[in-house]
Amino acid sequence: MANKLVYTGKTKDVFALDNGNYLLKFKDDCTGKDGKFDPGENSVGLTIEGVGDVNLRMSIYFFEKVNAAGIKTHYVNADLANTTMEVLPAKVFGKGLEVICRHKAVGSFYRRYSDYIEEGADLPAYVETTFKNDEKGDPLVTKDGLVDLGVMTAEQYDDIKAMTQQITKIVADDLKEKGLVLYDIKFEFGYDADGKVMLIDEIASGNMRVYKNGEYIDPITLSELFFA
């Protein structure tokens, strides 16, 4: 029986499997603008051959580490030959939520709060949440907002924050061993039939801002350095 396509995304397609799980097919399409790669953009801007493969490789590497640390994720297994990953079913929060963990004051954080902090200043694994909404520019939302809007419970938020900081430390420590510094990283979470929070989507170079010797490393170069 053929896998049933249930969703076509910007960088991945999602298929339903007979066993109740789902299959993510990683694509070589990247978000960007005017032919330039930008992880923060909301539309596909270019296609880079092999990017789906390296995103999957990095996701496998970190999902296995996160699972081994006892943190719940949707990862089951992967097939590099077909650039696919089997995942557990999960519901997203609301219409989609992004969770960012920041070690440095850069990007949109610095633009918002530059009256109060120097660019590049250290942050204590600062966690923020934004609704996935291209038209509204992915608006920030607080814990109270998420609870009062019925998107999640206070306990689910607390779990997401704790898990985000734990996973970020795993990624940052690994990168540090390679002489790389993680400035910030973006995650997505969902929940299972019992309401238990789990990490979903991917953990790839396109979702993190990484520097080496004070210089920004673009995601393609980062993947090459990571697996060198």
Protein backbone atom coordinates (compact mmCIF):
# COMPACT_ATOMS: atom_id res chain seq x y z
CA MET A 1 0.00 0.00 0.00
CA ALA A 2 1.44 3.37 -1.00
CA ASN A 3 2.19 6.00 1.64
CA LYS A 4 -0.48 8.69 1.65
CA LEU A 5 0.65 12.31 1.22
CA VAL A 6 -1.02 14.35 3.96
CA TYR A 7 0.91 17.63 3.84
CA THR A 8 3.27 19.45 1.49
CA GLY A 9 5.59 21.76 3.42
CA LYS A 10 8.25 24.26 2.41
CA THR A 11 11.19 21.98 3.21
CA LYS A 12 9.48 18.62 3.92
CA ASP A 13 6.53 16.54 2.73
CA VAL A 14 4.56 14.43 5.22
CA PHE A 15 3.12 10.98 4.49
CA ALA A 16 0.87 8.76 6.62
CA LEU A 17 2.16 5.22 7.25
CA ASP A 18 0.07 2.07 7.75
CA ASN A 19 1.44 1.60 11.29
CA GLY A 20 -0.03 4.92 12.49
CA ASN A 21 3.27 6.81 12.31
CA TYR A 22 4.28 9.43 9.75
CA LEU A 23 7.10 9.73 7.24
CA LEU A 24 8.90 13.04 6.66
CA LYS A 25 10.52 13.42 3.24
CA PHE A 26 13.29 16.05 3.40
CA LYS A 27 13.57 18.27 0.31
CA ASP A 28 16.38 20.37 -1.14
CA ASP A 29 14.19 23.50 -1.01
CA CYS A 30 15.33 26.23 1.39
CA THR A 31 13.65 29.29 2.81
CA GLY A 32 15.11 32.55 1.58
CA LYS A 33 14.64 35.63 -0.55
CA ASP A 34 16.04 36.70 -3.92
CA GLY A 35 18.01 33.47 -4.24
CA LYS A 36 19.73 33.89 -0.87
CA PHE A 37 19.33 31.44 1.99
CA ASP A 38 17.66 32.82 5.15
CA PRO A 39 16.30 30.51 7.89
CA GLY A 40 14.07 33.33 9.10
CA GLU A 41 12.24 33.77 5.80
CA ASN A 42 8.72 32.38 5.40
CA SER A 43 8.90 31.30 1.75
CA VAL A 44 11.03 28.98 -0.35
CA GLY A 45 13.71 31.09 -1.99
CA LEU A 46 16.07 28.57 -3.56
CA THR A 47 16.97 24.93 -4.01
CA ILE A 48 20.36 23.67 -2.85
CA GLU A 49 21.28 20.16 -3.93
CA GLY A 50 21.97 17.90 -0.95
CA VAL A 51 20.59 20.21 1.72
CA GLY A 52 17.77 17.78 2.53
CA ASP A 53 20.36 15.07 3.11
CA VAL A 54 22.51 17.12 5.50
CA ASN A 55 19.45 18.40 7.39
CA LEU A 56 18.33 14.81 7.88
CA ARG A 57 21.82 13.68 8.94
CA MET A 58 22.06 16.39 11.57
CA SER A 59 18.51 15.71 12.76
CA ILE A 60 19.26 11.99 13.19
CA TYR A 61 22.45 12.80 15.09
CA PHE A 62 20.78 15.14 17.57
CA PHE A 63 17.44 13.30 17.90
CA GLU A 64 19.35 10.18 18.94
CA LYS A 65 21.32 12.20 21.49
CA VAL A 66 18.17 13.87 22.85
CA ASN A 67 16.30 10.55 23.05
CA ALA A 68 19.29 8.99 24.86
CA ALA A 69 19.11 11.85 27.40
CA GLY A 70 15.54 10.76 28.22
CA ILE A 71 13.85 13.74 26.55
CA LYS A 72 10.74 12.81 24.56
CA THR A 73 10.86 13.38 20.78
CA HIS A 74 8.85 12.17 17.78
CA TYR A 75 11.90 10.48 16.18
CA VAL A 76 11.59 6.74 15.43
CA ASN A 77 14.17 6.02 12.71
CA ALA A 78 15.48 7.32 9.38
CA ASP A 79 16.44 6.19 5.90
CA LEU A 80 19.29 8.26 4.47
CA ALA A 81 19.05 6.58 1.06
CA ASN A 82 15.54 7.99 0.62
CA THR A 83 16.02 11.15 2.74
CA THR A 84 13.13 10.16 4.99
CA MET A 85 12.48 10.07 8.74
CA GLU A 86 9.76 8.04 10.50
CA VAL A 87 8.13 9.90 13.36
CA LEU A 88 5.43 9.35 15.98
CA PRO A 89 2.09 11.10 15.51
CA ALA A 90 1.88 14.43 17.33
CA LYS A 91 -0.52 17.34 17.47
CA VAL A 92 0.92 20.83 17.12
CA PHE A 93 0.07 23.58 19.57
CA GLY A 94 -2.56 25.89 18.10
CA LYS A 95 -1.85 26.46 14.42
CA GLY A 96 1.88 26.01 14.96
CA LEU A 97 4.31 27.40 17.51
CA GLU A 98 8.04 28.08 17.32
CA VAL A 99 10.21 28.05 20.43
CA ILE A 100 13.52 29.91 20.34
CA CYS A 101 16.34 29.56 22.86
CA ARG A 102 18.88 32.38 22.88
CA HIS A 103 22.43 32.43 24.25
CA LYS A 104 23.28 35.80 22.66
CA ALA A 105 21.40 39.05 22.05
CA VAL A 106 21.26 39.12 18.25
CA GLY A 107 18.69 39.21 15.45
CA SER A 108 15.10 40.09 16.28
CA PHE A 109 15.80 39.93 20.03
CA TYR A 110 18.38 42.71 19.77
CA ARG A 111 16.17 44.76 17.44
CA ARG A 112 13.37 44.64 20.00
CA TYR A 113 15.42 45.26 23.15
CA SER A 114 18.45 47.27 21.99
CA ASP A 115 17.58 50.03 24.53
CA TYR A 116 18.42 47.57 27.29
CA ILE A 117 21.24 45.33 26.05
CA GLU A 118 24.38 45.39 23.93
CA GLU A 119 24.39 43.44 20.67
CA GLY A 120 25.98 40.03 21.16
CA ALA A 121 25.66 40.13 24.96
CA ASP A 122 25.23 36.81 26.76
CA LEU A 123 21.74 35.59 27.60
CA PRO A 124 20.94 32.82 30.13
CA ALA A 125 19.29 30.31 27.71
CA TYR A 126 16.43 32.78 27.23
CA VAL A 127 13.29 31.08 25.87
CA GLU A 128 10.64 32.83 23.77
CA THR A 129 7.63 31.55 21.84
CA THR A 130 6.12 32.82 18.59
CA PHE A 131 3.03 31.79 16.67
CA LYS A 132 3.75 30.53 13.15
CA ASN A 133 1.90 33.09 11.07
CA ASP A 134 3.59 34.50 7.98
CA GLU A 135 1.10 37.35 7.48
CA LYS A 136 1.50 38.60 11.06
CA GLY A 137 5.28 38.18 11.12
CA ASP A 138 5.31 35.30 13.63
CA PRO A 139 4.06 37.31 16.64
CA LEU A 140 5.60 36.77 20.09
CA VAL A 141 3.32 35.20 22.70
CA THR A 142 3.86 34.87 26.45
CA LYS A 143 3.14 31.92 28.74
CA ASP A 144 0.01 33.70 30.03
CA GLY A 145 -1.10 34.31 26.44
CA LEU A 146 -0.65 30.65 25.48
CA VAL A 147 -2.60 29.47 28.54
CA ASP A 148 -5.36 32.10 28.34
CA LEU A 149 -5.87 31.48 24.60
CA GLY A 150 -6.27 27.76 25.29
CA VAL A 151 -3.23 26.80 23.20
CA MET A 152 -1.62 24.81 26.03
CA THR A 153 -1.71 24.27 29.78
CA ALA A 154 0.71 25.99 32.16
CA GLU A 155 2.29 22.57 32.82
CA GLN A 156 2.85 22.00 29.10
CA TYR A 157 4.53 25.41 28.81
CA ASP A 158 6.81 24.63 31.75
CA ASP A 159 7.74 21.29 30.14
CA ILE A 160 8.47 23.00 26.80
CA LYS A 161 10.70 25.60 28.47
CA ALA A 162 12.65 23.01 30.46
CA MET A 163 13.03 20.69 27.46
CA THR A 164 14.11 23.59 25.22
CA GLN A 165 16.89 24.56 27.62
CA GLN A 166 18.02 20.92 28.04
CA ILE A 167 18.09 20.26 24.28
CA THR A 168 19.83 23.58 23.57
CA LYS A 169 22.57 22.62 26.04
CA ILE A 170 23.05 19.27 24.28
CA VAL A 171 23.41 21.02 20.89
CA ALA A 172 25.58 23.88 22.21
CA ASP A 173 27.96 21.55 24.07
CA ASP A 174 28.37 19.41 20.96
CA LEU A 175 29.09 22.43 18.75
CA LYS A 176 31.52 23.83 21.34
CA GLU A 177 33.63 20.67 21.04
CA LYS A 178 33.99 21.55 17.34
CA GLY A 179 35.04 25.14 18.09
CA LEU A 180 31.59 26.50 17.21
CA VAL A 181 29.42 28.82 19.31
CA LEU A 182 25.60 28.54 19.30
CA TYR A 183 23.92 31.97 19.47
CA ASP A 184 20.31 30.80 19.16
CA ILE A 185 18.22 27.87 17.97
CA LYS A 186 14.61 27.31 16.95
CA PHE A 187 12.49 24.27 17.86
CA GLU A 188 8.97 23.00 17.38
CA PHE A 189 7.03 20.95 19.91
CA GLY A 190 3.86 18.91 19.78
CA TYR A 191 2.02 16.59 22.13
CA ASP A 192 0.82 12.98 22.07
CA ALA A 193 -2.64 11.52 22.77
CA ASP A 194 -2.01 11.86 26.52
CA GLY A 195 -1.02 15.52 26.26
CA LYS A 196 2.66 14.75 26.87
CA VAL A 197 5.02 17.27 25.21
CA MET A 198 7.55 16.05 22.62
CA LEU A 199 10.11 17.68 20.35
CA ILE A 200 9.00 17.48 16.70
CA ASP A 201 10.15 18.69 13.24
CA GLU A 202 13.96 18.71 12.90
CA ILE A 203 17.21 19.79 14.58
CA ALA A 204 19.17 21.06 11.60
CA SER A 205 21.70 23.76 10.72
CA GLY A 206 18.99 25.91 9.12
CA ASN A 207 17.31 26.32 12.52
CA MET A 208 20.35 27.60 14.40
CA ARG A 209 22.61 30.64 14.36
CA VAL A 210 26.23 29.55 14.85
CA TYR A 211 29.51 31.49 14.91
CA LYS A 212 33.16 30.51 14.72
CA ASN A 213 35.87 32.96 15.85
CA GLY A 214 33.26 35.72 15.83
CA GLU A 215 32.19 35.02 12.22
CA TYR A 216 28.70 33.81 11.29
CA ILE A 217 28.65 30.35 9.72
CA ASP A 218 25.94 29.85 7.08
CA PRO A 219 23.93 26.62 7.44
CA ILE A 220 25.46 24.84 4.44
CA THR A 221 29.01 25.54 5.66
CA LEU A 222 27.94 24.60 9.20
CA SER A 223 26.76 21.18 8.02
CA GLU A 224 30.05 20.63 6.18
CA LEU A 225 32.07 21.63 9.27
CA PHE A 226 29.88 19.54 11.53
CA PHE A 227 30.40 16.31 9.59
CA ALA A 228 34.01 17.00 8.55
